[in-house]
Amino acid sequence: MSGLLSGYLHKKRNGLVRSHVRGDVLDIGCGPATIAESLEPSQQYVGIEVQEAYITYLHSRFPQHTFLRRDVEREALSLGNLRFDTVLMVALIEHLVAPESVIVEVRRYMKPGGHLVISTPTPLGGAIHQLGASIGLFSRQAAADHKHIYDRRDLAALLFDCGMRMELHKTFEFGANQVCVSTPSV
C-alpha cells in the first residue's frame, strides 16, 4: 500500500466495517487481514487473497486462521461445506470486472441470517482518489486498477441482480466512501 494517506484510509475503513462483523467470517480480498486482529478465538476466519506474498505472511501472523490464494474472478472459492455469518468485500468490488459472479458465489457460503458487508468509494471518492493518486497521496496502482465506481443506486442494483437486498447503506469520510450491509433476498 503506497501513498501518503492510504494507511489512514485503510484503518478508518476497517474500523467502520469491523462494527458489522459477527460470527464466522469469510474475507474476500483480505489483503493484510486487519479484521482478523479483532476476532475472538471462537470465531472462524477464512481470508481469500490473490497475492501469494500476503498468504505466506498471513499464515505466519495468524496461524489460527485459514488463508487461501484465489483469483476470485477466475477460479471458484472451493470452500466445501464451510458457511459464514459475515462475508466481507472491503475495498474490492471497484477492482473487479465482474463482481456479480463473485457475489453470487459468496451467497452459497453464507449461513442462514448471514450478511455481506461491502465497502467501496462513492463517485466523489473515486474522483478524489484519482486526483490524490496523481500527486502521491493515495496509491497510484489502486487508482489505476479501479474498474467501476458505484453510487448508491448502482450498488443496490448490483446487489438486487445477485439476489441480495441492501439492508443498510452509509457514507463516511465526508461522503467519499460507502459501506453497505446486505442479506440474501430469498
N, C-alpha and C. Protein backbone atom coordinates (compact mmCIF):
# COMPACT_ATOMS: atom_id res chain seq x y z
N MET A 1 0.86 -1.17 0.00
CA MET A 1 0.00 0.00 0.00
C MET A 1 0.90 1.23 0.00
N SER A 2 0.82 2.03 -1.03
CA SER A 2 1.64 3.23 -1.08
C SER A 2 0.73 4.44 -1.13
N GLY A 3 1.31 5.58 -0.97
CA GLY A 3 0.53 6.81 -0.92
C GLY A 3 0.50 7.30 0.52
N LEU A 4 0.67 8.58 0.69
CA LEU A 4 0.78 9.20 2.00
C LEU A 4 -0.43 8.93 2.90
N LEU A 5 -1.63 8.93 2.36
CA LEU A 5 -2.84 8.77 3.16
C LEU A 5 -3.48 7.38 3.05
N SER A 6 -2.91 6.48 2.28
CA SER A 6 -3.51 5.16 2.08
C SER A 6 -3.67 4.39 3.38
N GLY A 7 -2.67 4.40 4.23
CA GLY A 7 -2.75 3.69 5.51
C GLY A 7 -3.84 4.24 6.41
N TYR A 8 -3.96 5.56 6.45
CA TYR A 8 -5.02 6.19 7.24
C TYR A 8 -6.39 5.76 6.75
N LEU A 9 -6.60 5.79 5.44
CA LEU A 9 -7.90 5.42 4.88
C LEU A 9 -8.21 3.94 5.14
N HIS A 10 -7.21 3.10 5.04
CA HIS A 10 -7.38 1.67 5.30
C HIS A 10 -7.85 1.45 6.74
N LYS A 11 -7.20 2.12 7.68
CA LYS A 11 -7.54 1.99 9.09
C LYS A 11 -8.95 2.51 9.38
N LYS A 12 -9.30 3.63 8.82
CA LYS A 12 -10.62 4.24 9.01
C LYS A 12 -11.72 3.33 8.45
N ARG A 13 -11.53 2.83 7.26
CA ARG A 13 -12.50 1.96 6.60
C ARG A 13 -12.70 0.68 7.40
N ASN A 14 -11.60 0.06 7.84
CA ASN A 14 -11.71 -1.19 8.58
C ASN A 14 -12.37 -1.00 9.94
N GLY A 15 -12.18 0.16 10.55
CA GLY A 15 -12.87 0.45 11.80
C GLY A 15 -14.37 0.44 11.64
N LEU A 16 -14.86 1.03 10.56
CA LEU A 16 -16.29 1.06 10.29
C LEU A 16 -16.81 -0.33 9.93
N VAL A 17 -16.09 -1.03 9.09
CA VAL A 17 -16.51 -2.38 8.68
C VAL A 17 -16.56 -3.31 9.88
N ARG A 18 -15.59 -3.19 10.77
CA ARG A 18 -15.49 -4.06 11.95
C ARG A 18 -16.78 -4.05 12.78
N SER A 19 -17.48 -2.92 12.80
CA SER A 19 -18.71 -2.83 13.59
C SER A 19 -19.83 -3.72 13.04
N HIS A 20 -19.68 -4.22 11.82
CA HIS A 20 -20.68 -5.09 11.20
C HIS A 20 -20.26 -6.56 11.18
N VAL A 21 -19.12 -6.86 11.74
CA VAL A 21 -18.61 -8.24 11.75
C VAL A 21 -19.17 -8.99 12.95
N ARG A 22 -19.73 -10.15 12.66
CA ARG A 22 -20.20 -11.04 13.73
C ARG A 22 -20.03 -12.49 13.27
N GLY A 23 -19.85 -13.36 14.23
CA GLY A 23 -19.75 -14.78 13.94
C GLY A 23 -18.54 -15.14 13.09
N ASP A 24 -18.70 -16.20 12.32
CA ASP A 24 -17.62 -16.68 11.46
C ASP A 24 -17.51 -15.79 10.22
N VAL A 25 -16.28 -15.55 9.78
CA VAL A 25 -16.02 -14.53 8.77
C VAL A 25 -15.29 -15.11 7.56
N LEU A 26 -15.82 -14.77 6.38
CA LEU A 26 -15.14 -15.01 5.10
C LEU A 26 -14.76 -13.64 4.56
N ASP A 27 -13.48 -13.40 4.37
CA ASP A 27 -12.97 -12.09 3.95
C ASP A 27 -12.38 -12.23 2.54
N ILE A 28 -13.14 -11.77 1.55
CA ILE A 28 -12.73 -11.85 0.15
C ILE A 28 -11.83 -10.66 -0.17
N GLY A 29 -10.63 -10.94 -0.66
CA GLY A 29 -9.67 -9.85 -0.92
C GLY A 29 -9.14 -9.31 0.39
N CYS A 30 -8.75 -10.19 1.28
CA CYS A 30 -8.42 -9.83 2.67
C CYS A 30 -7.21 -8.92 2.81
N GLY A 31 -6.31 -8.88 1.82
CA GLY A 31 -5.11 -8.04 1.95
C GLY A 31 -4.36 -8.41 3.22
N PRO A 32 -4.02 -7.43 4.07
CA PRO A 32 -3.28 -7.73 5.30
C PRO A 32 -4.12 -8.33 6.42
N ALA A 33 -5.41 -8.57 6.17
CA ALA A 33 -6.31 -9.24 7.12
C ALA A 33 -6.39 -8.53 8.46
N THR A 34 -6.46 -7.23 8.45
CA THR A 34 -6.52 -6.48 9.71
C THR A 34 -7.79 -6.78 10.50
N ILE A 35 -8.85 -7.20 9.84
CA ILE A 35 -10.07 -7.58 10.55
C ILE A 35 -9.80 -8.76 11.48
N ALA A 36 -8.92 -9.66 11.09
CA ALA A 36 -8.62 -10.85 11.88
C ALA A 36 -8.06 -10.50 13.26
N GLU A 37 -7.44 -9.34 13.38
CA GLU A 37 -6.86 -8.92 14.66
C GLU A 37 -7.90 -8.77 15.76
N SER A 38 -9.13 -8.42 15.41
CA SER A 38 -10.15 -8.12 16.42
C SER A 38 -11.10 -9.27 16.70
N LEU A 39 -10.87 -10.43 16.11
CA LEU A 39 -11.78 -11.55 16.29
C LEU A 39 -11.52 -12.30 17.59
N GLU A 40 -12.58 -12.91 18.10
CA GLU A 40 -12.49 -13.76 19.29
C GLU A 40 -11.94 -15.12 18.87
N PRO A 41 -11.30 -15.84 19.78
CA PRO A 41 -10.76 -17.16 19.43
C PRO A 41 -11.83 -18.13 18.91
N SER A 42 -13.07 -17.94 19.32
CA SER A 42 -14.13 -18.85 18.88
C SER A 42 -14.62 -18.57 17.45
N GLN A 43 -14.22 -17.44 16.88
CA GLN A 43 -14.67 -17.09 15.53
C GLN A 43 -13.75 -17.71 14.48
N GLN A 44 -14.38 -18.37 13.51
CA GLN A 44 -13.63 -18.91 12.37
C GLN A 44 -13.41 -17.76 11.38
N TYR A 45 -12.22 -17.73 10.80
CA TYR A 45 -11.89 -16.70 9.82
C TYR A 45 -11.18 -17.36 8.65
N VAL A 46 -11.70 -17.08 7.44
CA VAL A 46 -11.03 -17.53 6.22
C VAL A 46 -10.79 -16.29 5.37
N GLY A 47 -9.54 -16.04 5.05
CA GLY A 47 -9.17 -14.92 4.20
C GLY A 47 -8.80 -15.42 2.81
N ILE A 48 -9.36 -14.75 1.81
CA ILE A 48 -9.07 -15.09 0.42
C ILE A 48 -8.29 -13.93 -0.17
N GLU A 49 -7.17 -14.23 -0.80
CA GLU A 49 -6.32 -13.18 -1.36
C GLU A 49 -5.63 -13.71 -2.60
N VAL A 50 -5.46 -12.85 -3.59
CA VAL A 50 -4.83 -13.25 -4.84
C VAL A 50 -3.29 -13.19 -4.75
N GLN A 51 -2.75 -12.33 -3.89
CA GLN A 51 -1.30 -12.14 -3.83
C GLN A 51 -0.64 -13.16 -2.90
N GLU A 52 0.18 -13.99 -3.46
CA GLU A 52 0.86 -15.06 -2.71
C GLU A 52 1.70 -14.50 -1.55
N ALA A 53 2.31 -13.34 -1.72
CA ALA A 53 3.14 -12.76 -0.66
C ALA A 53 2.31 -12.50 0.60
N TYR A 54 1.08 -12.03 0.44
CA TYR A 54 0.20 -11.84 1.59
C TYR A 54 -0.10 -13.19 2.26
N ILE A 55 -0.40 -14.20 1.47
CA ILE A 55 -0.77 -15.50 2.02
C ILE A 55 0.36 -16.05 2.90
N THR A 56 1.58 -16.01 2.41
CA THR A 56 2.72 -16.51 3.17
C THR A 56 2.86 -15.75 4.49
N TYR A 57 2.79 -14.44 4.42
CA TYR A 57 2.89 -13.59 5.62
C TYR A 57 1.75 -13.89 6.60
N LEU A 58 0.52 -13.98 6.09
CA LEU A 58 -0.65 -14.16 6.96
C LEU A 58 -0.66 -15.51 7.66
N HIS A 59 -0.18 -16.55 6.97
CA HIS A 59 -0.10 -17.87 7.61
C HIS A 59 0.78 -17.81 8.86
N SER A 60 1.86 -17.04 8.79
CA SER A 60 2.75 -16.95 9.95
C SER A 60 2.20 -15.99 11.01
N ARG A 61 1.52 -14.94 10.59
CA ARG A 61 1.00 -13.95 11.55
C ARG A 61 -0.24 -14.45 12.28
N PHE A 62 -1.12 -15.16 11.58
CA PHE A 62 -2.38 -15.64 12.16
C PHE A 62 -2.50 -17.16 11.94
N PRO A 63 -1.69 -17.96 12.63
CA PRO A 63 -1.72 -19.41 12.39
C PRO A 63 -3.06 -20.06 12.75
N GLN A 64 -3.86 -19.39 13.55
CA GLN A 64 -5.16 -19.94 13.95
C GLN A 64 -6.23 -19.77 12.86
N HIS A 65 -5.94 -18.99 11.84
CA HIS A 65 -6.90 -18.73 10.77
C HIS A 65 -6.47 -19.40 9.47
N THR A 66 -7.38 -19.42 8.51
CA THR A 66 -7.12 -20.05 7.22
C THR A 66 -7.01 -18.97 6.16
N PHE A 67 -5.99 -19.08 5.32
CA PHE A 67 -5.79 -18.15 4.21
C PHE A 67 -5.57 -18.94 2.94
N LEU A 68 -6.30 -18.55 1.90
CA LEU A 68 -6.24 -19.26 0.63
C LEU A 68 -5.96 -18.28 -0.50
N ARG A 69 -5.08 -18.69 -1.40
CA ARG A 69 -4.82 -17.87 -2.58
C ARG A 69 -5.83 -18.25 -3.65
N ARG A 70 -6.62 -17.27 -4.05
CA ARG A 70 -7.60 -17.47 -5.11
C ARG A 70 -7.72 -16.17 -5.90
N ASP A 71 -7.86 -16.31 -7.19
CA ASP A 71 -8.24 -15.19 -8.05
C ASP A 71 -9.74 -15.32 -8.21
N VAL A 72 -10.49 -14.58 -7.44
CA VAL A 72 -11.94 -14.79 -7.34
C VAL A 72 -12.70 -14.57 -8.64
N GLU A 73 -12.10 -13.89 -9.59
CA GLU A 73 -12.76 -13.71 -10.88
C GLU A 73 -12.45 -14.84 -11.86
N ARG A 74 -11.45 -15.65 -11.55
CA ARG A 74 -11.04 -16.70 -12.48
C ARG A 74 -11.18 -18.11 -11.93
N GLU A 75 -11.34 -18.23 -10.62
CA GLU A 75 -11.44 -19.57 -10.05
C GLU A 75 -12.46 -19.60 -8.91
N ALA A 76 -13.04 -20.74 -8.71
CA ALA A 76 -14.04 -20.93 -7.66
C ALA A 76 -13.38 -20.85 -6.29
N LEU A 77 -14.17 -20.46 -5.30
CA LEU A 77 -13.65 -20.40 -3.94
C LEU A 77 -13.34 -21.79 -3.40
N SER A 78 -14.16 -22.78 -3.75
CA SER A 78 -13.94 -24.18 -3.35
C SER A 78 -13.74 -24.30 -1.84
N LEU A 79 -14.75 -23.90 -1.08
CA LEU A 79 -14.67 -23.92 0.37
C LEU A 79 -15.43 -25.09 1.00
N GLY A 80 -15.87 -26.02 0.17
CA GLY A 80 -16.55 -27.20 0.70
C GLY A 80 -17.82 -26.84 1.45
N ASN A 81 -17.95 -27.38 2.66
CA ASN A 81 -19.15 -27.18 3.46
C ASN A 81 -19.05 -25.99 4.42
N LEU A 82 -18.01 -25.19 4.32
CA LEU A 82 -17.87 -24.05 5.22
C LEU A 82 -18.99 -23.05 4.97
N ARG A 83 -19.50 -22.45 6.06
CA ARG A 83 -20.53 -21.42 5.98
C ARG A 83 -20.16 -20.31 6.96
N PHE A 84 -20.58 -19.08 6.62
CA PHE A 84 -20.14 -17.91 7.37
C PHE A 84 -21.31 -17.00 7.73
N ASP A 85 -21.17 -16.33 8.87
CA ASP A 85 -22.15 -15.34 9.31
C ASP A 85 -21.92 -14.00 8.62
N THR A 86 -20.65 -13.68 8.38
CA THR A 86 -20.28 -12.42 7.75
C THR A 86 -19.35 -12.69 6.58
N VAL A 87 -19.69 -12.12 5.43
CA VAL A 87 -18.79 -12.15 4.28
C VAL A 87 -18.38 -10.70 4.03
N LEU A 88 -17.08 -10.48 3.93
CA LEU A 88 -16.55 -9.13 3.71
C LEU A 88 -15.99 -9.00 2.30
N MET A 89 -16.30 -7.87 1.70
CA MET A 89 -15.67 -7.46 0.44
C MET A 89 -15.30 -5.99 0.64
N VAL A 90 -14.16 -5.78 1.28
CA VAL A 90 -13.72 -4.45 1.68
C VAL A 90 -12.77 -3.88 0.62
N ALA A 91 -13.17 -2.75 0.03
CA ALA A 91 -12.37 -2.09 -1.00
C ALA A 91 -11.99 -3.07 -2.11
N LEU A 92 -12.98 -3.84 -2.56
CA LEU A 92 -12.72 -4.87 -3.56
C LEU A 92 -13.54 -4.70 -4.83
N ILE A 93 -14.85 -4.50 -4.72
CA ILE A 93 -15.69 -4.60 -5.92
C ILE A 93 -15.31 -3.59 -7.00
N GLU A 94 -14.75 -2.46 -6.60
CA GLU A 94 -14.35 -1.48 -7.61
C GLU A 94 -13.18 -1.98 -8.46
N HIS A 95 -12.51 -3.03 -8.02
CA HIS A 95 -11.38 -3.61 -8.76
C HIS A 95 -11.77 -4.81 -9.61
N LEU A 96 -13.02 -5.25 -9.51
CA LEU A 96 -13.46 -6.44 -10.22
C LEU A 96 -14.15 -6.09 -11.53
N VAL A 97 -13.85 -6.85 -12.57
CA VAL A 97 -14.51 -6.68 -13.86
C VAL A 97 -15.95 -7.17 -13.76
N ALA A 98 -16.15 -8.30 -13.10
CA ALA A 98 -17.48 -8.91 -13.00
C ALA A 98 -17.79 -9.26 -11.54
N PRO A 99 -18.10 -8.26 -10.72
CA PRO A 99 -18.37 -8.54 -9.30
C PRO A 99 -19.61 -9.42 -9.10
N GLU A 100 -20.51 -9.44 -10.07
CA GLU A 100 -21.74 -10.23 -9.96
C GLU A 100 -21.43 -11.70 -9.69
N SER A 101 -20.49 -12.25 -10.43
CA SER A 101 -20.19 -13.67 -10.27
C SER A 101 -19.61 -13.96 -8.88
N VAL A 102 -18.84 -13.04 -8.35
CA VAL A 102 -18.25 -13.23 -7.02
C VAL A 102 -19.34 -13.15 -5.96
N ILE A 103 -20.23 -12.16 -6.06
CA ILE A 103 -21.30 -12.00 -5.08
C ILE A 103 -22.23 -13.21 -5.10
N VAL A 104 -22.59 -13.68 -6.28
CA VAL A 104 -23.45 -14.86 -6.38
C VAL A 104 -22.76 -16.07 -5.74
N GLU A 105 -21.47 -16.22 -5.97
CA GLU A 105 -20.77 -17.37 -5.38
C GLU A 105 -20.70 -17.27 -3.86
N VAL A 106 -20.39 -16.09 -3.32
CA VAL A 106 -20.27 -15.99 -1.86
C VAL A 106 -21.60 -16.21 -1.15
N ARG A 107 -22.70 -15.94 -1.82
CA ARG A 107 -24.02 -16.21 -1.22
C ARG A 107 -24.14 -17.68 -0.82
N ARG A 108 -23.56 -18.57 -1.60
CA ARG A 108 -23.63 -20.01 -1.30
C ARG A 108 -22.92 -20.37 0.00
N TYR A 109 -22.02 -19.52 0.44
CA TYR A 109 -21.25 -19.79 1.66
C TYR A 109 -21.76 -19.04 2.88
N MET A 110 -22.91 -18.40 2.74
CA MET A 110 -23.48 -17.66 3.86
C MET A 110 -24.41 -18.55 4.68
N LYS A 111 -24.29 -18.47 6.00
CA LYS A 111 -25.21 -19.17 6.88
C LYS A 111 -26.57 -18.49 6.80
N PRO A 112 -27.65 -19.19 7.14
CA PRO A 112 -28.94 -18.51 7.25
C PRO A 112 -28.82 -17.33 8.22
N GLY A 113 -29.31 -16.19 7.82
CA GLY A 113 -29.19 -14.98 8.65
C GLY A 113 -27.87 -14.26 8.45
N GLY A 114 -27.01 -14.79 7.58
CA GLY A 114 -25.72 -14.16 7.33
C GLY A 114 -25.86 -12.90 6.50
N HIS A 115 -24.80 -12.12 6.47
CA HIS A 115 -24.83 -10.88 5.69
C HIS A 115 -23.50 -10.61 5.00
N LEU A 116 -23.60 -9.82 3.95
CA LEU A 116 -22.46 -9.40 3.14
C LEU A 116 -22.19 -7.93 3.44
N VAL A 117 -20.94 -7.60 3.75
CA VAL A 117 -20.55 -6.23 4.01
C VAL A 117 -19.59 -5.79 2.90
N ILE A 118 -19.97 -4.73 2.21
CA ILE A 118 -19.17 -4.20 1.10
C ILE A 118 -18.79 -2.77 1.43
N SER A 119 -17.53 -2.43 1.22
CA SER A 119 -17.14 -1.02 1.23
C SER A 119 -16.51 -0.71 -0.12
N THR A 120 -16.76 0.50 -0.58
CA THR A 120 -16.28 0.92 -1.90
C THR A 120 -16.34 2.45 -1.97
N PRO A 121 -15.52 3.07 -2.78
CA PRO A 121 -15.62 4.53 -2.91
C PRO A 121 -16.94 4.95 -3.56
N THR A 122 -17.39 6.13 -3.22
CA THR A 122 -18.51 6.75 -3.93
C THR A 122 -17.93 7.43 -5.17
N PRO A 123 -18.76 7.94 -6.08
CA PRO A 123 -18.21 8.69 -7.21
C PRO A 123 -17.34 9.87 -6.76
N LEU A 124 -17.75 10.55 -5.70
CA LEU A 124 -16.92 11.64 -5.16
C LEU A 124 -15.56 11.09 -4.70
N GLY A 125 -15.61 9.98 -3.98
CA GLY A 125 -14.37 9.37 -3.51
C GLY A 125 -13.49 8.88 -4.64
N GLY A 126 -14.11 8.35 -5.69
CA GLY A 126 -13.34 7.91 -6.85
C GLY A 126 -12.59 9.07 -7.49
N ALA A 127 -13.26 10.22 -7.62
CA ALA A 127 -12.62 11.40 -8.20
C ALA A 127 -11.49 11.91 -7.30
N ILE A 128 -11.76 11.94 -6.00
CA ILE A 128 -10.72 12.39 -5.05
C ILE A 128 -9.54 11.43 -5.08
N HIS A 129 -9.83 10.13 -5.14
CA HIS A 129 -8.76 9.13 -5.17
C HIS A 129 -7.89 9.29 -6.40
N GLN A 130 -8.52 9.50 -7.55
CA GLN A 130 -7.75 9.71 -8.79
C GLN A 130 -6.85 10.94 -8.68
N LEU A 131 -7.41 12.02 -8.20
CA LEU A 131 -6.63 13.25 -8.04
C LEU A 131 -5.51 13.05 -7.03
N GLY A 132 -5.86 12.47 -5.86
CA GLY A 132 -4.85 12.23 -4.82
C GLY A 132 -3.75 11.28 -5.26
N ALA A 133 -4.11 10.28 -6.05
CA ALA A 133 -3.11 9.34 -6.56
C ALA A 133 -2.15 10.04 -7.52
N SER A 134 -2.66 10.99 -8.28
CA SER A 134 -1.80 11.68 -9.25
C SER A 134 -0.71 12.52 -8.56
N ILE A 135 -0.94 12.87 -7.28
CA ILE A 135 0.08 13.66 -6.56
C ILE A 135 0.70 12.88 -5.40
N GLY A 136 0.44 11.56 -5.35
CA GLY A 136 1.11 10.71 -4.38
C GLY A 136 0.44 10.59 -3.01
N LEU A 137 -0.77 11.12 -2.84
CA LEU A 137 -1.44 10.99 -1.56
C LEU A 137 -2.05 9.60 -1.36
N PHE A 138 -2.48 8.99 -2.46
CA PHE A 138 -3.09 7.66 -2.42
C PHE A 138 -2.34 6.76 -3.39
N SER A 139 -2.60 5.49 -3.27
CA SER A 139 -1.93 4.50 -4.12
C SER A 139 -2.27 4.72 -5.60
N ARG A 140 -1.25 4.93 -6.39
CA ARG A 140 -1.45 5.07 -7.84
C ARG A 140 -1.94 3.76 -8.46
N GLN A 141 -1.38 2.66 -7.98
CA GLN A 141 -1.77 1.36 -8.52
C GLN A 141 -3.24 1.07 -8.24
N ALA A 142 -3.70 1.33 -7.01
CA ALA A 142 -5.10 1.07 -6.67
C ALA A 142 -6.02 1.93 -7.53
N ALA A 143 -5.67 3.17 -7.73
CA ALA A 143 -6.49 4.06 -8.55
C ALA A 143 -6.55 3.56 -10.00
N ALA A 144 -5.41 3.12 -10.50
CA ALA A 144 -5.37 2.62 -11.88
C ALA A 144 -6.15 1.32 -12.04
N ASP A 145 -6.27 0.55 -10.97
CA ASP A 145 -6.96 -0.73 -11.02
C ASP A 145 -8.48 -0.62 -10.87
N HIS A 146 -9.00 0.57 -10.59
CA HIS A 146 -10.46 0.71 -10.43
C HIS A 146 -11.16 0.45 -11.76
N LYS A 147 -12.10 -0.49 -11.75
CA LYS A 147 -12.86 -0.83 -12.95
C LYS A 147 -14.20 -0.10 -13.02
N HIS A 148 -14.85 0.07 -11.84
CA HIS A 148 -16.15 0.72 -11.80
C HIS A 148 -16.34 1.35 -10.42
N ILE A 149 -16.81 2.58 -10.41
CA ILE A 149 -17.14 3.27 -9.16
C ILE A 149 -18.66 3.31 -9.06
N TYR A 150 -19.18 2.90 -7.91
CA TYR A 150 -20.62 2.74 -7.71
C TYR A 150 -21.21 3.89 -6.90
N ASP A 151 -22.36 4.38 -7.35
CA ASP A 151 -23.14 5.23 -6.46
C ASP A 151 -24.12 4.31 -5.73
N ARG A 152 -24.90 4.86 -4.81
CA ARG A 152 -25.81 4.04 -4.00
C ARG A 152 -26.78 3.25 -4.89
N ARG A 153 -27.31 3.88 -5.90
CA ARG A 153 -28.28 3.23 -6.79
C ARG A 153 -27.63 2.08 -7.56
N ASP A 154 -26.42 2.32 -8.10
CA ASP A 154 -25.70 1.25 -8.82
C ASP A 154 -25.42 0.06 -7.90
N LEU A 155 -25.02 0.36 -6.68
CA LEU A 155 -24.71 -0.69 -5.72
C LEU A 155 -25.95 -1.49 -5.37
N ALA A 156 -27.07 -0.81 -5.13
CA ALA A 156 -28.32 -1.51 -4.83
C ALA A 156 -28.76 -2.38 -6.01
N ALA A 157 -28.61 -1.86 -7.23
CA ALA A 157 -28.99 -2.63 -8.42
C ALA A 157 -28.10 -3.85 -8.59
N LEU A 158 -26.80 -3.69 -8.37
CA LEU A 158 -25.86 -4.82 -8.45
C LEU A 158 -26.28 -5.91 -7.46
N LEU A 159 -26.53 -5.52 -6.23
CA LEU A 159 -26.92 -6.49 -5.21
C LEU A 159 -28.25 -7.15 -5.56
N PHE A 160 -29.20 -6.38 -6.02
CA PHE A 160 -30.51 -6.93 -6.41
C PHE A 160 -30.35 -7.98 -7.50
N ASP A 161 -29.53 -7.67 -8.50
CA ASP A 161 -29.28 -8.60 -9.61
C ASP A 161 -28.61 -9.89 -9.13
N CYS A 162 -27.96 -9.84 -7.98
CA CYS A 162 -27.27 -11.01 -7.42
C CYS A 162 -28.11 -11.72 -6.36
N GLY A 163 -29.37 -11.30 -6.23
CA GLY A 163 -30.25 -11.94 -5.25
C GLY A 163 -30.03 -11.48 -3.83
N MET A 164 -29.54 -10.25 -3.69
CA MET A 164 -29.27 -9.68 -2.37
C MET A 164 -30.14 -8.43 -2.16
N ARG A 165 -30.38 -8.13 -0.91
CA ARG A 165 -31.17 -6.95 -0.55
C ARG A 165 -30.32 -6.06 0.36
N MET A 166 -30.19 -4.79 -0.01
CA MET A 166 -29.42 -3.85 0.80
C MET A 166 -30.22 -3.52 2.06
N GLU A 167 -29.64 -3.83 3.20
CA GLU A 167 -30.29 -3.57 4.49
C GLU A 167 -29.83 -2.24 5.09
N LEU A 168 -28.60 -1.87 4.82
CA LEU A 168 -28.04 -0.65 5.38
C LEU A 168 -27.07 -0.05 4.38
N HIS A 169 -27.09 1.25 4.26
CA HIS A 169 -26.13 1.97 3.42
C HIS A 169 -25.70 3.22 4.17
N LYS A 170 -24.41 3.45 4.21
CA LYS A 170 -23.89 4.60 4.94
C LYS A 170 -22.66 5.12 4.22
N THR A 171 -22.59 6.44 4.08
CA THR A 171 -21.36 7.03 3.55
C THR A 171 -20.50 7.47 4.74
N PHE A 172 -19.21 7.56 4.50
CA PHE A 172 -18.29 8.02 5.53
C PHE A 172 -17.14 8.74 4.85
N GLU A 173 -16.25 9.29 5.66
CA GLU A 173 -15.15 10.11 5.14
C GLU A 173 -15.70 11.22 4.25
N PHE A 174 -16.68 11.95 4.83
CA PHE A 174 -17.29 13.11 4.16
C PHE A 174 -17.91 12.75 2.82
N GLY A 175 -18.48 11.55 2.73
CA GLY A 175 -19.16 11.13 1.52
C GLY A 175 -18.27 10.53 0.46
N ALA A 176 -16.99 10.33 0.76
CA ALA A 176 -16.06 9.79 -0.24
C ALA A 176 -16.10 8.27 -0.33
N ASN A 177 -16.56 7.61 0.72
CA ASN A 177 -16.64 6.16 0.75
C ASN A 177 -18.00 5.73 1.27
N GLN A 178 -18.33 4.47 1.01
CA GLN A 178 -19.62 3.95 1.44
C GLN A 178 -19.46 2.51 1.91
N VAL A 179 -20.33 2.14 2.82
CA VAL A 179 -20.41 0.76 3.28
C VAL A 179 -21.87 0.35 3.19
N CYS A 180 -22.08 -0.88 2.77
CA CYS A 180 -23.45 -1.39 2.77
C CYS A 180 -23.44 -2.80 3.33
N VAL A 181 -24.54 -3.12 3.97
CA VAL A 181 -24.75 -4.45 4.52
C VAL A 181 -25.96 -5.01 3.80
N SER A 182 -25.83 -6.21 3.27
CA SER A 182 -26.93 -6.82 2.52
C SER A 182 -27.12 -8.27 2.95
N THR A 183 -28.33 -8.75 2.68
CA THR A 183 -28.69 -10.12 3.00
C THR A 183 -29.31 -10.76 1.76
N PRO A 184 -29.28 -12.08 1.69
CA PRO A 184 -29.94 -12.73 0.55
C PRO A 184 -31.43 -12.39 0.50
N SER A 185 -31.96 -12.19 -0.71
CA SER A 185 -33.37 -11.83 -0.88
C SER A 185 -34.29 -12.99 -0.56
N VAL A 186 -33.85 -14.17 -0.86
CA VAL A 186 -34.73 -15.34 -0.70
C VAL A 186 -34.18 -16.24 0.38
